[in-house]
């Protein structure tokens, strides 16, 4: 059987999960029992989410040109 080699994203996914859990714990500690404006934070998170999705795709003008 032998050992399986880890894929290229193996450590990155684990690090992303740890960063998510830590940031969630920090936000929970800071915002516990505070009155926050849900509408404002919804739009901020929607904008950041759209920006994150847009940045996952390469720019078509740079990727179609051959490198010099």
C-alpha atoms as a PDB file:
ATOM      1  CA  UNK A   1       0.000   0.000   0.000  1.00  0.00           C
ATOM      2  CA  UNK A   2       2.579   2.636   0.942  1.00  0.00           C
ATOM      3  CA  UNK A   3       1.966   6.225   1.897  1.00  0.00           C
ATOM      4  CA  UNK A   4      -0.157   8.563  -0.164  1.00  0.00           C
ATOM      5  CA  UNK A   5       1.340  11.800  -1.344  1.00  0.00           C
ATOM      6  CA  UNK A   6      -0.424  14.954  -0.291  1.00  0.00           C
ATOM      7  CA  UNK A   7      -1.999  17.017  -3.042  1.00  0.00           C
ATOM      8  CA  UNK A   8      -0.814  20.615  -3.642  1.00  0.00           C
ATOM      9  CA  UNK A   9      -3.697  22.118  -1.654  1.00  0.00           C
ATOM     10  CA  UNK A  10      -3.356  19.821   1.360  1.00  0.00           C
ATOM     11  CA  UNK A  11      -1.772  22.306   3.757  1.00  0.00           C
ATOM     12  CA  UNK A  12      -3.533  25.351   2.337  1.00  0.00           C
ATOM     13  CA  UNK A  13      -7.005  24.006   3.012  1.00  0.00           C
ATOM     14  CA  UNK A  14      -6.116  23.144   6.593  1.00  0.00           C
ATOM     15  CA  UNK A  15      -4.644  26.592   7.142  1.00  0.00           C
ATOM     16  CA  UNK A  16      -7.749  28.232   5.651  1.00  0.00           C
ATOM     17  CA  UNK A  17     -10.027  26.257   7.990  1.00  0.00           C
ATOM     18  CA  UNK A  18      -7.927  27.245  11.009  1.00  0.00           C
ATOM     19  CA  UNK A  19      -7.959  30.924   9.938  1.00  0.00           C
ATOM     20  CA  UNK A  20     -11.740  30.801   9.492  1.00  0.00           C
ATOM     21  CA  UNK A  21     -12.366  29.280  12.908  1.00  0.00           C
ATOM     22  CA  UNK A  22     -10.007  31.729  14.639  1.00  0.00           C
ATOM     23  CA  UNK A  23     -11.576  34.747  12.911  1.00  0.00           C
ATOM     24  CA  UNK A  24     -15.050  33.491  13.801  1.00  0.00           C
ATOM     25  CA  UNK A  25     -14.032  33.122  17.452  1.00  0.00           C
ATOM     26  CA  UNK A  26     -12.554  36.640  17.507  1.00  0.00           C
ATOM     27  CA  UNK A  27     -15.677  38.159  15.949  1.00  0.00           C
ATOM     28  CA  UNK A  28     -17.870  36.287  18.398  1.00  0.00           C
ATOM     29  CA  UNK A  29     -15.825  37.573  21.336  1.00  0.00           C
ATOM     30  CA  UNK A  30     -15.869  41.174  20.073  1.00  0.00           C
ATOM     31  CA  UNK A  31     -19.521  41.314  19.028  1.00  0.00           C
ATOM     32  CA  UNK A  32     -21.031  39.295  21.877  1.00  0.00           C
ATOM     33  CA  UNK A  33     -24.059  41.166  23.289  1.00  0.00           C
ATOM     34  CA  UNK A  34     -23.517  44.187  21.035  1.00  0.00           C
ATOM     35  CA  UNK A  35     -26.116  45.761  18.803  1.00  0.00           C
ATOM     36  CA  UNK A  36     -24.756  45.601  15.236  1.00  0.00           C
ATOM     37  CA  UNK A  37     -26.365  46.883  12.070  1.00  0.00           C
ATOM     38  CA  UNK A  38     -27.057  43.666  10.166  1.00  0.00           C
ATOM     39  CA  UNK A  39     -27.983  45.457   6.928  1.00  0.00           C
ATOM     40  CA  UNK A  40     -24.649  47.290   6.730  1.00  0.00           C
ATOM     41  CA  UNK A  41     -22.611  44.181   7.499  1.00  0.00           C
ATOM     42  CA  UNK A  42     -24.616  42.177   4.968  1.00  0.00           C
ATOM     43  CA  UNK A  43     -23.664  44.560   2.162  1.00  0.00           C
ATOM     44  CA  UNK A  44     -20.035  44.692   3.268  1.00  0.00           C
ATOM     45  CA  UNK A  45     -19.786  40.894   3.351  1.00  0.00           C
ATOM     46  CA  UNK A  46     -21.565  40.596  -0.008  1.00  0.00           C
ATOM     47  CA  UNK A  47     -19.113  43.034  -1.580  1.00  0.00           C
ATOM     48  CA  UNK A  48     -16.106  41.219  -0.124  1.00  0.00           C
ATOM     49  CA  UNK A  49     -17.511  37.872  -1.251  1.00  0.00           C
ATOM     50  CA  UNK A  50     -17.996  39.136  -4.823  1.00  0.00           C
ATOM     51  CA  UNK A  51     -14.483  40.563  -4.811  1.00  0.00           C
ATOM     52  CA  UNK A  52     -13.116  37.213  -3.647  1.00  0.00           C
ATOM     53  CA  UNK A  53     -14.957  35.346  -6.406  1.00  0.00           C
ATOM     54  CA  UNK A  54     -13.752  37.799  -9.054  1.00  0.00           C
ATOM     55  CA  UNK A  55     -10.151  37.469  -7.901  1.00  0.00           C
ATOM     56  CA  UNK A  56     -10.192  33.667  -8.241  1.00  0.00           C
ATOM     57  CA  UNK A  57     -10.330  33.928 -12.022  1.00  0.00           C
ATOM     58  CA  UNK A  58      -7.245  35.097 -13.957  1.00  0.00           C
ATOM     59  CA  UNK A  59      -7.414  38.237 -16.009  1.00  0.00           C
ATOM     60  CA  UNK A  60      -8.152  37.133 -19.588  1.00  0.00           C
ATOM     61  CA  UNK A  61      -5.945  39.786 -21.206  1.00  0.00           C
ATOM     62  CA  UNK A  62      -2.815  38.584 -19.364  1.00  0.00           C
ATOM     63  CA  UNK A  63      -3.428  34.854 -19.632  1.00  0.00           C
ATOM     64  CA  UNK A  64      -4.027  34.816 -23.402  1.00  0.00           C
ATOM     65  CA  UNK A  65      -0.757  36.553 -24.323  1.00  0.00           C
ATOM     66  CA  UNK A  66       2.386  34.468 -24.709  1.00  0.00           C
ATOM     67  CA  UNK A  67       5.175  35.297 -22.285  1.00  0.00           C
ATOM     68  CA  UNK A  68       8.234  37.054 -23.679  1.00  0.00           C
END
